[in-house]
Amino acid sequence: MTDQAIADVRAFNRFYTNLIGVLDEGLVDSPFSVTEARVLYELAHGEPTEVAELRRLLEVDSGYLSRILARFEESGLVHKQPSTTDARKRVIALTTRGRKAFAQLDDNTVDQIAGLLADLPEAEVRRLTGAMTTIRQVLERTPRPESYVLRPLVAGDLGWVIARHGARYAQEYGWDQTFEALVARILADYAAEPDPAHQAGWIAEVDGEPVGCVFCTRKDEHTAQLRLLLVEPAARGMGIGGRLVEQCLRFAKDAGYREIMLWTNDVLADARRIYQRAGFELEHEAPHHSFGKDLVEQVWRRPL
């Protein structure tokens, strides 16, 4: 752990608490503090609860919780009643007035969040909520999600593909910016002459965040070309690469192509294994110097 990482987390905490008004006297224009709102939430979403269980759920000091409950009882928001499982024990439940107070608080919270998201494009909302899910999964140490979706391209995806190819190949293979320039030219040609009957691209997403891509383009009248297959390291091992290639093959066959080919380099071992499993066979290889490295190019092909 680095000092910068700690500083980044603290900076985010300051930003977000200021953004949603956590440090204000009343949460979302209500008379309740954050902890008081959490007490109302737990009581509204569960059965009548013993004080000890409520303290365990909220992880707050018992004296502080007792003072909150005393104020709530005085205000008519909660009342104590015998437990249905043990008549010797008393549990806390919301009154009708307490449920109305929570409903208003809940409506205010929904309105506040809706206001925060209102001016964001749909892609940015997916990015935001995906990042929030990632934060929870990392801090709760939950297993990585095993589900993903493939979707067609939307506005902004081509820029993501260019940026991630440039960054990923520089980090993993030391390739220079001429590779990123090649990717940009490929996508510029793709976008300049739209041909949805014969060319398409797909993005793989996990929790609303792009993690992979592939393109099927026209090589000639009878031949399709698989291009720009990429899967981010954090999403590898989920079968995304194979699924992207499968999607490309299905599209090429439905588009009427007789065969499909691809150009790659021998250092891309993981991608090569995906191509082999999909039925591609090596047709040609030769040394060349590109992207600041001495490489061996390969052409793979398979019938459809």
C-alpha atoms as a PDB file:
ATOM      1  CA  MET A   1       0.000   0.000   0.000  1.00  0.00           C
ATOM      2  CA  THR A   2       1.309   3.447  -0.898  1.00  0.00           C
ATOM      3  CA  ASP A   3       0.778   6.861   0.636  1.00  0.00           C
ATOM      4  CA  GLN A   4      -0.725   7.954  -2.688  1.00  0.00           C
ATOM      5  CA  ALA A   5      -3.339   5.182  -2.530  1.00  0.00           C
ATOM      6  CA  ILE A   6      -4.386   6.294   0.945  1.00  0.00           C
ATOM      7  CA  ALA A   7      -4.548   9.909  -0.197  1.00  0.00           C
ATOM      8  CA  ASP A   8      -6.674   8.932  -3.209  1.00  0.00           C
ATOM      9  CA  VAL A   9      -9.220   7.092  -1.038  1.00  0.00           C
ATOM     10  CA  ARG A  10      -9.432   9.994   1.407  1.00  0.00           C
ATOM     11  CA  ALA A  11      -9.879  12.462  -1.443  1.00  0.00           C
ATOM     12  CA  PHE A  12     -12.723  10.373  -2.861  1.00  0.00           C
ATOM     13  CA  ASN A  13     -14.385  10.164   0.555  1.00  0.00           C
ATOM     14  CA  ARG A  14     -14.248  13.948   0.955  1.00  0.00           C
ATOM     15  CA  PHE A  15     -15.611  14.489  -2.542  1.00  0.00           C
ATOM     16  CA  TYR A  16     -18.519  12.065  -2.220  1.00  0.00           C
ATOM     17  CA  THR A  17     -19.617  13.072   1.275  1.00  0.00           C
ATOM     18  CA  ASN A  18     -19.666  16.707   0.167  1.00  0.00           C
ATOM     19  CA  LEU A  19     -21.533  15.783  -3.015  1.00  0.00           C
ATOM     20  CA  ILE A  20     -24.419  14.031  -1.259  1.00  0.00           C
ATOM     21  CA  GLY A  21     -24.433  16.221   1.836  1.00  0.00           C
ATOM     22  CA  VAL A  22     -23.548  13.545   4.387  1.00  0.00           C
ATOM     23  CA  LEU A  23     -21.898  16.144   6.617  1.00  0.00           C
ATOM     24  CA  ASP A  24     -24.877  18.485   6.517  1.00  0.00           C
ATOM     25  CA  GLU A  25     -26.976  18.807   9.656  1.00  0.00           C
ATOM     26  CA  GLY A  26     -29.877  16.931   8.060  1.00  0.00           C
ATOM     27  CA  LEU A  27     -29.551  14.213   5.409  1.00  0.00           C
ATOM     28  CA  VAL A  28     -31.336  15.083   2.113  1.00  0.00           C
ATOM     29  CA  ASP A  29     -33.255  17.994   3.645  1.00  0.00           C
ATOM     30  CA  SER A  30     -34.514  15.872   6.538  1.00  0.00           C
ATOM     31  CA  PRO A  31     -34.136  16.295  10.323  1.00  0.00           C
ATOM     32  CA  PHE A  32     -32.166  13.039  10.502  1.00  0.00           C
ATOM     33  CA  SER A  33     -28.416  12.425  10.652  1.00  0.00           C
ATOM     34  CA  VAL A  34     -26.790   9.637   8.625  1.00  0.00           C
ATOM     35  CA  THR A  35     -26.884   7.210  11.568  1.00  0.00           C
ATOM     36  CA  GLU A  36     -30.493   8.068  12.384  1.00  0.00           C
ATOM     37  CA  ALA A  37     -31.411   7.461   8.748  1.00  0.00           C
ATOM     38  CA  ARG A  38     -29.702   4.065   8.889  1.00  0.00           C
ATOM     39  CA  VAL A  39     -31.716   3.162  12.002  1.00  0.00           C
ATOM     40  CA  LEU A  40     -34.950   4.077  10.217  1.00  0.00           C
ATOM     41  CA  TYR A  41     -33.878   2.071   7.159  1.00  0.00           C
ATOM     42  CA  GLU A  42     -33.175  -1.119   9.141  1.00  0.00           C
ATOM     43  CA  LEU A  43     -36.441  -0.865  11.049  1.00  0.00           C
ATOM     44  CA  ALA A  44     -38.402  -0.179   7.848  1.00  0.00           C
ATOM     45  CA  HIS A  45     -36.945  -3.156   6.003  1.00  0.00           C
ATOM     46  CA  GLY A  46     -37.062  -5.821   8.661  1.00  0.00           C
ATOM     47  CA  GLU A  47     -39.116  -7.347  11.415  1.00  0.00           C
ATOM     48  CA  PRO A  48     -39.337  -5.658  14.838  1.00  0.00           C
ATOM     49  CA  THR A  49     -35.780  -5.923  16.162  1.00  0.00           C
ATOM     50  CA  GLU A  50     -34.072  -6.215  19.514  1.00  0.00           C
ATOM     51  CA  VAL A  51     -31.752  -3.349  20.389  1.00  0.00           C
ATOM     52  CA  ALA A  52     -28.742  -5.707  20.556  1.00  0.00           C
ATOM     53  CA  GLU A  53     -29.445  -7.027  17.060  1.00  0.00           C
ATOM     54  CA  LEU A  54     -29.945  -3.501  15.725  1.00  0.00           C
ATOM     55  CA  ARG A  55     -26.602  -2.451  17.182  1.00  0.00           C
ATOM     56  CA  ARG A  56     -24.930  -5.460  15.536  1.00  0.00           C
ATOM     57  CA  LEU A  57     -26.422  -4.614  12.143  1.00  0.00           C
ATOM     58  CA  LEU A  58     -25.422  -0.960  12.347  1.00  0.00           C
ATOM     59  CA  GLU A  59     -22.102  -1.440  14.170  1.00  0.00           C
ATOM     60  CA  VAL A  60     -22.634   1.660  16.327  1.00  0.00           C
ATOM     61  CA  ASP A  61     -21.961   2.389  19.991  1.00  0.00           C
ATOM     62  CA  SER A  62     -24.725   1.011  22.251  1.00  0.00           C
ATOM     63  CA  GLY A  63     -25.035   4.270  24.209  1.00  0.00           C
ATOM     64  CA  TYR A  64     -25.335   6.326  21.023  1.00  0.00           C
ATOM     65  CA  LEU A  65     -27.989   3.954  19.642  1.00  0.00           C
ATOM     66  CA  SER A  66     -29.939   4.088  22.918  1.00  0.00           C
ATOM     67  CA  ARG A  67     -30.035   7.890  22.742  1.00  0.00           C
ATOM     68  CA  ILE A  68     -31.284   7.781  19.155  1.00  0.00           C
ATOM     69  CA  LEU A  69     -34.019   5.299  19.998  1.00  0.00           C
ATOM     70  CA  ALA A  70     -35.056   7.361  23.042  1.00  0.00           C
ATOM     71  CA  ARG A  71     -35.442  10.451  20.829  1.00  0.00           C
ATOM     72  CA  PHE A  72     -37.360   8.436  18.235  1.00  0.00           C
ATOM     73  CA  GLU A  73     -39.689   7.047  20.913  1.00  0.00           C
ATOM     74  CA  GLU A  74     -40.280  10.522  22.340  1.00  0.00           C
ATOM     75  CA  SER A  75     -41.119  11.778  18.840  1.00  0.00           C
ATOM     76  CA  GLY A  76     -43.530   8.912  18.223  1.00  0.00           C
ATOM     77  CA  LEU A  77     -41.449   7.330  15.477  1.00  0.00           C
ATOM     78  CA  VAL A  78     -40.845   3.985  17.230  1.00  0.00           C
ATOM     79  CA  HIS A  79     -42.374   1.963  20.008  1.00  0.00           C
ATOM     80  CA  LYS A  80     -41.382  -1.057  22.051  1.00  0.00           C
ATOM     81  CA  GLN A  81     -43.421  -4.244  21.974  1.00  0.00           C
ATOM     82  CA  PRO A  82     -43.070  -7.820  23.270  1.00  0.00           C
ATOM     83  CA  SER A  83     -41.115 -10.213  21.075  1.00  0.00           C
ATOM     84  CA  THR A  84     -43.252 -12.791  19.247  1.00  0.00           C
ATOM     85  CA  THR A  85     -40.644 -15.468  19.974  1.00  0.00           C
ATOM     86  CA  ASP A  86     -39.821 -14.589  23.589  1.00  0.00           C
ATOM     87  CA  ALA A  87     -42.363 -12.621  25.655  1.00  0.00           C
ATOM     88  CA  ARG A  88     -39.640 -11.692  28.141  1.00  0.00           C
ATOM     89  CA  LYS A  89     -37.873  -9.585  25.499  1.00  0.00           C
ATOM     90  CA  ARG A  90     -38.852  -6.255  23.979  1.00  0.00           C
ATOM     91  CA  VAL A  91     -38.269  -5.306  20.356  1.00  0.00           C
ATOM     92  CA  ILE A  92     -38.240  -1.972  18.508  1.00  0.00           C
ATOM     93  CA  ALA A  93     -40.684  -1.289  15.680  1.00  0.00           C
ATOM     94  CA  LEU A  94     -41.643   1.739  13.606  1.00  0.00           C
ATOM     95  CA  THR A  95     -44.964   3.399  14.287  1.00  0.00           C
ATOM     96  CA  THR A  96     -47.216   4.630  11.490  1.00  0.00           C
ATOM     97  CA  ARG A  97     -45.643   8.048  11.950  1.00  0.00           C
ATOM     98  CA  GLY A  98     -42.184   6.478  11.773  1.00  0.00           C
ATOM     99  CA  ARG A  99     -42.999   4.711   8.505  1.00  0.00           C
ATOM    100  CA  LYS A 100     -44.254   7.963   7.004  1.00  0.00           C
ATOM    101  CA  ALA A 101     -41.036   9.700   8.082  1.00  0.00           C
ATOM    102  CA  PHE A 102     -38.942   6.963   6.484  1.00  0.00           C
ATOM    103  CA  ALA A 103     -41.003   7.063   3.265  1.00  0.00           C
ATOM    104  CA  GLN A 104     -40.355  10.793   2.956  1.00  0.00           C
ATOM    105  CA  LEU A 105     -36.650  10.290   3.636  1.00  0.00           C
ATOM    106  CA  ASP A 106     -36.515   7.505   1.045  1.00  0.00           C
ATOM    107  CA  ASP A 107     -38.299   9.639  -1.576  1.00  0.00           C
ATOM    108  CA  ASN A 108     -35.875  12.508  -0.943  1.00  0.00           C
ATOM    109  CA  THR A 109     -32.912  10.168  -1.370  1.00  0.00           C
ATOM    110  CA  VAL A 110     -34.269   8.818  -4.666  1.00  0.00           C
ATOM    111  CA  ASP A 111     -34.844  12.358  -5.927  1.00  0.00           C
ATOM    112  CA  GLN A 112     -31.317  13.389  -4.938  1.00  0.00           C
ATOM    113  CA  ILE A 113     -29.697  10.449  -6.764  1.00  0.00           C
ATOM    114  CA  ALA A 114     -31.925  10.963  -9.804  1.00  0.00           C
ATOM    115  CA  GLY A 115     -30.760  14.577  -9.871  1.00  0.00           C
ATOM    116  CA  LEU A 116     -27.111  13.511  -9.763  1.00  0.00           C
ATOM    117  CA  LEU A 117     -27.610  11.159 -12.716  1.00  0.00           C
ATOM    118  CA  ALA A 118     -30.031  13.256 -14.757  1.00  0.00           C
ATOM    119  CA  ASP A 119     -27.460  15.031 -16.931  1.00  0.00           C
ATOM    120  CA  LEU A 120     -25.161  12.046 -17.455  1.00  0.00           C
ATOM    121  CA  PRO A 121     -25.212  10.095 -20.738  1.00  0.00           C
ATOM    122  CA  GLU A 122     -26.340   6.481 -20.419  1.00  0.00           C
ATOM    123  CA  ALA A 123     -22.810   5.212 -21.038  1.00  0.00           C
ATOM    124  CA  GLU A 124     -21.495   7.351 -18.175  1.00  0.00           C
ATOM    125  CA  VAL A 125     -24.231   6.058 -15.845  1.00  0.00           C
ATOM    126  CA  ARG A 126     -23.179   2.481 -16.668  1.00  0.00           C
ATOM    127  CA  ARG A 127     -19.559   3.428 -16.057  1.00  0.00           C
ATOM    128  CA  LEU A 128     -20.411   5.057 -12.713  1.00  0.00           C
ATOM    129  CA  THR A 129     -22.555   2.223 -11.376  1.00  0.00           C
ATOM    130  CA  GLY A 130     -20.057  -0.346 -12.616  1.00  0.00           C
ATOM    131  CA  ALA A 131     -17.274   1.419 -10.716  1.00  0.00           C
ATOM    132  CA  MET A 132     -19.429   1.501  -7.571  1.00  0.00           C
ATOM    133  CA  THR A 133     -20.035  -2.234  -7.865  1.00  0.00           C
ATOM    134  CA  THR A 134     -16.309  -2.802  -8.250  1.00  0.00           C
ATOM    135  CA  ILE A 135     -15.588  -0.797  -5.086  1.00  0.00           C
ATOM    136  CA  ARG A 136     -18.036  -2.929  -3.103  1.00  0.00           C
ATOM    137  CA  GLN A 137     -16.686  -6.191  -4.496  1.00  0.00           C
ATOM    138  CA  VAL A 138     -13.066  -5.274  -3.753  1.00  0.00           C
ATOM    139  CA  LEU A 139     -13.695  -4.024  -0.207  1.00  0.00           C
ATOM    140  CA  GLU A 140     -16.127  -6.846   0.653  1.00  0.00           C
ATOM    141  CA  ARG A 141     -13.734  -9.360  -0.946  1.00  0.00           C
ATOM    142  CA  THR A 142     -16.571 -10.845  -2.969  1.00  0.00           C
ATOM    143  CA  PRO A 143     -15.775 -13.223  -5.851  1.00  0.00           C
ATOM    144  CA  ARG A 144     -15.322 -11.699  -9.280  1.00  0.00           C
ATOM    145  CA  PRO A 145     -18.605 -11.733 -11.247  1.00  0.00           C
ATOM    146  CA  GLU A 146     -18.882 -14.655 -13.628  1.00  0.00           C
ATOM    147  CA  SER A 147     -21.379 -13.020 -15.967  1.00  0.00           C
ATOM    148  CA  TYR A 148     -20.872 -10.603 -18.835  1.00  0.00           C
ATOM    149  CA  VAL A 149     -22.785  -9.269 -21.808  1.00  0.00           C
ATOM    150  CA  LEU A 150     -21.865  -8.654 -25.435  1.00  0.00           C
ATOM    151  CA  ARG A 151     -23.452  -5.641 -27.083  1.00  0.00           C
ATOM    152  CA  PRO A 152     -23.194  -3.763 -30.386  1.00  0.00           C
ATOM    153  CA  LEU A 153     -21.144  -0.584 -30.596  1.00  0.00           C
ATOM    154  CA  VAL A 154     -22.487   2.724 -29.300  1.00  0.00           C
ATOM    155  CA  ALA A 155     -21.105   6.254 -29.531  1.00  0.00           C
ATOM    156  CA  GLY A 156     -17.770   6.532 -27.728  1.00  0.00           C
ATOM    157  CA  ASP A 157     -16.789   2.880 -28.102  1.00  0.00           C
ATOM    158  CA  LEU A 158     -14.293   3.436 -30.922  1.00  0.00           C
ATOM    159  CA  GLY A 159     -12.322   5.841 -28.748  1.00  0.00           C
ATOM    160  CA  TRP A 160     -12.278   3.287 -25.930  1.00  0.00           C
ATOM    161  CA  VAL A 161     -11.008   0.572 -28.286  1.00  0.00           C
ATOM    162  CA  ILE A 162      -8.170   2.776 -29.528  1.00  0.00           C
ATOM    163  CA  ALA A 163      -7.150   3.906 -26.048  1.00  0.00           C
ATOM    164  CA  ARG A 164      -7.246   0.452 -24.480  1.00  0.00           C
ATOM    165  CA  HIS A 165      -5.303  -1.169 -27.322  1.00  0.00           C
ATOM    166  CA  GLY A 166      -2.633   1.524 -27.081  1.00  0.00           C
ATOM    167  CA  ALA A 167      -2.321   1.274 -23.298  1.00  0.00           C
ATOM    168  CA  ARG A 168      -2.627  -2.508 -23.032  1.00  0.00           C
ATOM    169  CA  TYR A 169      -0.066  -3.400 -25.711  1.00  0.00           C
ATOM    170  CA  ALA A 170       2.381  -0.813 -24.362  1.00  0.00           C
ATOM    171  CA  GLN A 171       2.090  -2.254 -20.859  1.00  0.00           C
ATOM    172  CA  GLU A 172       2.179  -5.940 -21.803  1.00  0.00           C
ATOM    173  CA  TYR A 173       4.496  -5.971 -24.828  1.00  0.00           C
ATOM    174  CA  GLY A 174       6.265  -2.608 -24.877  1.00  0.00           C
ATOM    175  CA  TRP A 175       4.805  -1.625 -28.252  1.00  0.00           C
ATOM    176  CA  ASP A 176       5.079   2.041 -29.174  1.00  0.00           C
ATOM    177  CA  GLN A 177       2.478   4.543 -30.366  1.00  0.00           C
ATOM    178  CA  THR A 178       2.634   3.368 -33.963  1.00  0.00           C
ATOM    179  CA  PHE A 179       0.443   0.438 -32.912  1.00  0.00           C
ATOM    180  CA  GLU A 180      -2.153   2.775 -31.432  1.00  0.00           C
ATOM    181  CA  ALA A 181      -2.001   4.745 -34.692  1.00  0.00           C
ATOM    182  CA  LEU A 182      -2.662   1.525 -36.647  1.00  0.00           C
ATOM    183  CA  VAL A 183      -5.711   0.766 -34.514  1.00  0.00           C
ATOM    184  CA  ALA A 184      -6.977   4.316 -35.092  1.00  0.00           C
ATOM    185  CA  ARG A 185      -6.597   3.924 -38.876  1.00  0.00           C
ATOM    186  CA  ILE A 186      -8.422   0.582 -38.845  1.00  0.00           C
ATOM    187  CA  LEU A 187     -11.337   2.073 -36.954  1.00  0.00           C
ATOM    188  CA  ALA A 188     -11.354   5.244 -39.043  1.00  0.00           C
ATOM    189  CA  ASP A 189     -11.783   3.091 -42.166  1.00  0.00           C
ATOM    190  CA  TYR A 190     -14.454   1.033 -40.411  1.00  0.00           C
ATOM    191  CA  ALA A 191     -16.437   4.123 -39.419  1.00  0.00           C
ATOM    192  CA  ALA A 192     -15.945   5.940 -42.730  1.00  0.00           C
ATOM    193  CA  GLU A 193     -17.728   3.268 -44.784  1.00  0.00           C
ATOM    194  CA  PRO A 194     -20.520   1.724 -42.682  1.00  0.00           C
ATOM    195  CA  ASP A 195     -21.663  -1.646 -44.021  1.00  0.00           C
ATOM    196  CA  PRO A 196     -23.754  -3.295 -41.290  1.00  0.00           C
ATOM    197  CA  ALA A 197     -24.602  -6.237 -43.544  1.00  0.00           C
ATOM    198  CA  HIS A 198     -20.931  -7.202 -43.851  1.00  0.00           C
ATOM    199  CA  GLN A 199     -19.088  -5.478 -40.968  1.00  0.00           C
ATOM    200  CA  ALA A 200     -19.765  -5.233 -37.227  1.00  0.00           C
ATOM    201  CA  GLY A 201     -18.128  -4.788 -33.862  1.00  0.00           C
ATOM    202  CA  TRP A 202     -18.994  -5.850 -30.330  1.00  0.00           C
ATOM    203  CA  ILE A 203     -18.107  -4.746 -26.821  1.00  0.00           C
ATOM    204  CA  ALA A 204     -17.988  -7.115 -23.838  1.00  0.00           C
ATOM    205  CA  GLU A 205     -19.162  -5.580 -20.557  1.00  0.00           C
ATOM    206  CA  VAL A 206     -18.946  -6.651 -16.932  1.00  0.00           C
ATOM    207  CA  ASP A 207     -21.118  -4.651 -14.529  1.00  0.00           C
ATOM    208  CA  GLY A 208     -21.648  -1.999 -17.187  1.00  0.00           C
ATOM    209  CA  GLU A 209     -17.916  -1.486 -17.780  1.00  0.00           C
ATOM    210  CA  PRO A 210     -16.261  -2.303 -21.153  1.00  0.00           C
ATOM    211  CA  VAL A 211     -13.721  -5.112 -20.774  1.00  0.00           C
ATOM    212  CA  GLY A 212     -13.255  -6.440 -24.299  1.00  0.00           C
ATOM    213  CA  CYS A 213     -13.975  -6.066 -28.003  1.00  0.00           C
ATOM    214  CA  VAL A 214     -13.749  -7.642 -31.435  1.00  0.00           C
ATOM    215  CA  PHE A 215     -14.530  -6.570 -35.007  1.00  0.00           C
ATOM    216  CA  CYS A 216     -15.556  -8.446 -38.134  1.00  0.00           C
ATOM    217  CA  THR A 217     -14.567  -6.558 -41.301  1.00  0.00           C
ATOM    218  CA  ARG A 218     -14.629  -7.224 -45.042  1.00  0.00           C
ATOM    219  CA  LYS A 219     -11.359  -8.490 -46.534  1.00  0.00           C
ATOM    220  CA  ASP A 220     -12.808  -9.252 -49.958  1.00  0.00           C
ATOM    221  CA  GLU A 221     -16.061 -10.502 -51.455  1.00  0.00           C
ATOM    222  CA  HIS A 222     -15.692 -13.993 -49.993  1.00  0.00           C
ATOM    223  CA  THR A 223     -13.445 -13.405 -46.989  1.00  0.00           C
ATOM    224  CA  ALA A 224     -14.096 -11.779 -43.630  1.00  0.00           C
ATOM    225  CA  GLN A 225     -11.321 -10.569 -41.307  1.00  0.00           C
ATOM    226  CA  LEU A 226     -11.382 -10.832 -37.517  1.00  0.00           C
ATOM    227  CA  ARG A 227      -9.700  -7.759 -36.037  1.00  0.00           C
ATOM    228  CA  LEU A 228      -8.867  -6.029 -32.754  1.00  0.00           C
ATOM    229  CA  LEU A 229      -9.682  -8.822 -30.310  1.00  0.00           C
ATOM    230  CA  LEU A 230      -8.977  -7.538 -26.802  1.00  0.00           C
ATOM    231  CA  VAL A 231      -9.864  -8.653 -23.263  1.00  0.00           C
ATOM    232  CA  GLU A 232      -8.761  -6.622 -20.245  1.00  0.00           C
ATOM    233  CA  PRO A 233      -6.576  -8.583 -17.769  1.00  0.00           C
ATOM    234  CA  ALA A 234      -9.108  -8.280 -14.931  1.00  0.00           C
ATOM    235  CA  ALA A 235     -11.729 -10.026 -17.096  1.00  0.00           C
ATOM    236  CA  ARG A 236      -9.573 -12.827 -18.461  1.00  0.00           C
ATOM    237  CA  GLY A 237     -10.457 -16.381 -17.510  1.00  0.00           C
ATOM    238  CA  MET A 238     -14.196 -15.766 -17.894  1.00  0.00           C
ATOM    239  CA  GLY A 239     -14.424 -17.094 -21.462  1.00  0.00           C
ATOM    240  CA  ILE A 240     -14.947 -13.628 -22.931  1.00  0.00           C
ATOM    241  CA  GLY A 241     -12.263 -13.943 -25.610  1.00  0.00           C
ATOM    242  CA  GLY A 242     -13.706 -17.194 -26.948  1.00  0.00           C
ATOM    243  CA  ARG A 243     -17.218 -15.768 -26.872  1.00  0.00           C
ATOM    244  CA  LEU A 244     -16.152 -12.675 -28.825  1.00  0.00           C
ATOM    245  CA  VAL A 245     -14.498 -14.840 -31.495  1.00  0.00           C
ATOM    246  CA  GLU A 246     -17.597 -17.042 -31.651  1.00  0.00           C
ATOM    247  CA  GLN A 247     -19.776 -13.976 -32.171  1.00  0.00           C
ATOM    248  CA  CYS A 248     -17.513 -12.811 -34.985  1.00  0.00           C
ATOM    249  CA  LEU A 249     -17.626 -16.225 -36.698  1.00  0.00           C
ATOM    250  CA  ARG A 250     -21.413 -16.404 -36.463  1.00  0.00           C
ATOM    251  CA  PHE A 251     -21.794 -12.936 -37.962  1.00  0.00           C
ATOM    252  CA  ALA A 252     -19.358 -13.697 -40.810  1.00  0.00           C
ATOM    253  CA  LYS A 253     -21.213 -16.895 -41.712  1.00  0.00           C
ATOM    254  CA  ASP A 254     -24.615 -15.184 -41.636  1.00  0.00           C
ATOM    255  CA  ALA A 255     -23.202 -12.361 -43.787  1.00  0.00           C
ATOM    256  CA  GLY A 256     -22.427 -14.883 -46.543  1.00  0.00           C
ATOM    257  CA  TYR A 257     -18.632 -15.041 -46.303  1.00  0.00           C
ATOM    258  CA  ARG A 258     -17.017 -18.350 -47.246  1.00  0.00           C
ATOM    259  CA  GLU A 259     -13.984 -18.017 -44.968  1.00  0.00           C
ATOM    260  CA  ILE A 260     -12.463 -15.788 -42.308  1.00  0.00           C
ATOM    261  CA  MET A 261      -8.831 -14.805 -41.690  1.00  0.00           C
ATOM    262  CA  LEU A 262      -6.862 -12.787 -39.164  1.00  0.00           C
ATOM    263  CA  TRP A 263      -3.451 -11.190 -38.811  1.00  0.00           C
ATOM    264  CA  THR A 264      -1.576 -11.384 -35.521  1.00  0.00           C
ATOM    265  CA  ASN A 265       1.894 -11.755 -34.020  1.00  0.00           C
ATOM    266  CA  ASP A 266       3.391 -14.811 -32.382  1.00  0.00           C
ATOM    267  CA  VAL A 267       3.943 -13.067 -29.020  1.00  0.00           C
ATOM    268  CA  LEU A 268       0.178 -12.960 -28.481  1.00  0.00           C
ATOM    269  CA  ALA A 269       0.069 -16.499 -27.118  1.00  0.00           C
ATOM    270  CA  ASP A 270      -3.251 -16.274 -25.276  1.00  0.00           C
ATOM    271  CA  ALA A 271      -5.058 -14.973 -28.359  1.00  0.00           C
ATOM    272  CA  ARG A 272      -3.434 -17.646 -30.510  1.00  0.00           C
ATOM    273  CA  ARG A 273      -4.842 -20.390 -28.279  1.00  0.00           C
ATOM    274  CA  ILE A 274      -8.325 -18.892 -28.629  1.00  0.00           C
ATOM    275  CA  TYR A 275      -7.976 -18.874 -32.421  1.00  0.00           C
ATOM    276  CA  GLN A 276      -6.795 -22.481 -32.480  1.00  0.00           C
ATOM    277  CA  ARG A 277      -9.723 -23.619 -30.330  1.00  0.00           C
ATOM    278  CA  ALA A 278     -12.065 -21.811 -32.745  1.00  0.00           C
ATOM    279  CA  GLY A 279     -10.710 -23.836 -35.677  1.00  0.00           C
ATOM    280  CA  PHE A 280      -8.244 -21.375 -37.231  1.00  0.00           C
ATOM    281  CA  GLU A 281      -5.127 -22.821 -38.858  1.00  0.00           C
ATOM    282  CA  LEU A 282      -1.792 -21.075 -39.362  1.00  0.00           C
ATOM    283  CA  GLU A 283      -1.269 -20.228 -43.042  1.00  0.00           C
ATOM    284  CA  HIS A 284       1.764 -17.932 -43.023  1.00  0.00           C
ATOM    285  CA  GLU A 285       4.375 -16.410 -40.712  1.00  0.00           C
ATOM    286  CA  ALA A 286       7.375 -14.166 -41.264  1.00  0.00           C
ATOM    287  CA  PRO A 287       9.668 -11.867 -39.244  1.00  0.00           C
ATOM    288  CA  HIS A 288       9.116  -8.124 -39.360  1.00  0.00           C
ATOM    289  CA  HIS A 289       9.931  -5.002 -37.357  1.00  0.00           C
ATOM    290  CA  SER A 290       6.884  -3.037 -36.234  1.00  0.00           C
ATOM    291  CA  PHE A 291       5.701  -1.025 -33.244  1.00  0.00           C
ATOM    292  CA  GLY A 292       9.297  -0.643 -32.066  1.00  0.00           C
ATOM    293  CA  LYS A 293       9.871  -4.420 -31.766  1.00  0.00           C
ATOM    294  CA  ASP A 294      11.215  -7.359 -33.770  1.00  0.00           C
ATOM    295  CA  LEU A 295       8.155  -9.578 -34.249  1.00  0.00           C
ATOM    296  CA  VAL A 296       6.902 -12.584 -36.185  1.00  0.00           C
ATOM    297  CA  GLU A 297       3.649 -11.917 -38.022  1.00  0.00           C
ATOM    298  CA  GLN A 298       1.124 -14.701 -38.533  1.00  0.00           C
ATOM    299  CA  VAL A 299      -1.893 -15.139 -40.785  1.00  0.00           C
ATOM    300  CA  TRP A 300      -4.560 -17.590 -39.606  1.00  0.00           C
ATOM    301  CA  ARG A 301      -7.559 -18.783 -41.624  1.00  0.00           C
ATOM    302  CA  ARG A 302     -10.579 -21.065 -41.387  1.00  0.00           C
ATOM    303  CA  PRO A 303     -13.574 -21.911 -43.585  1.00  0.00           C
ATOM    304  CA  LEU A 304     -17.107 -20.929 -42.541  1.00  0.00           C
END
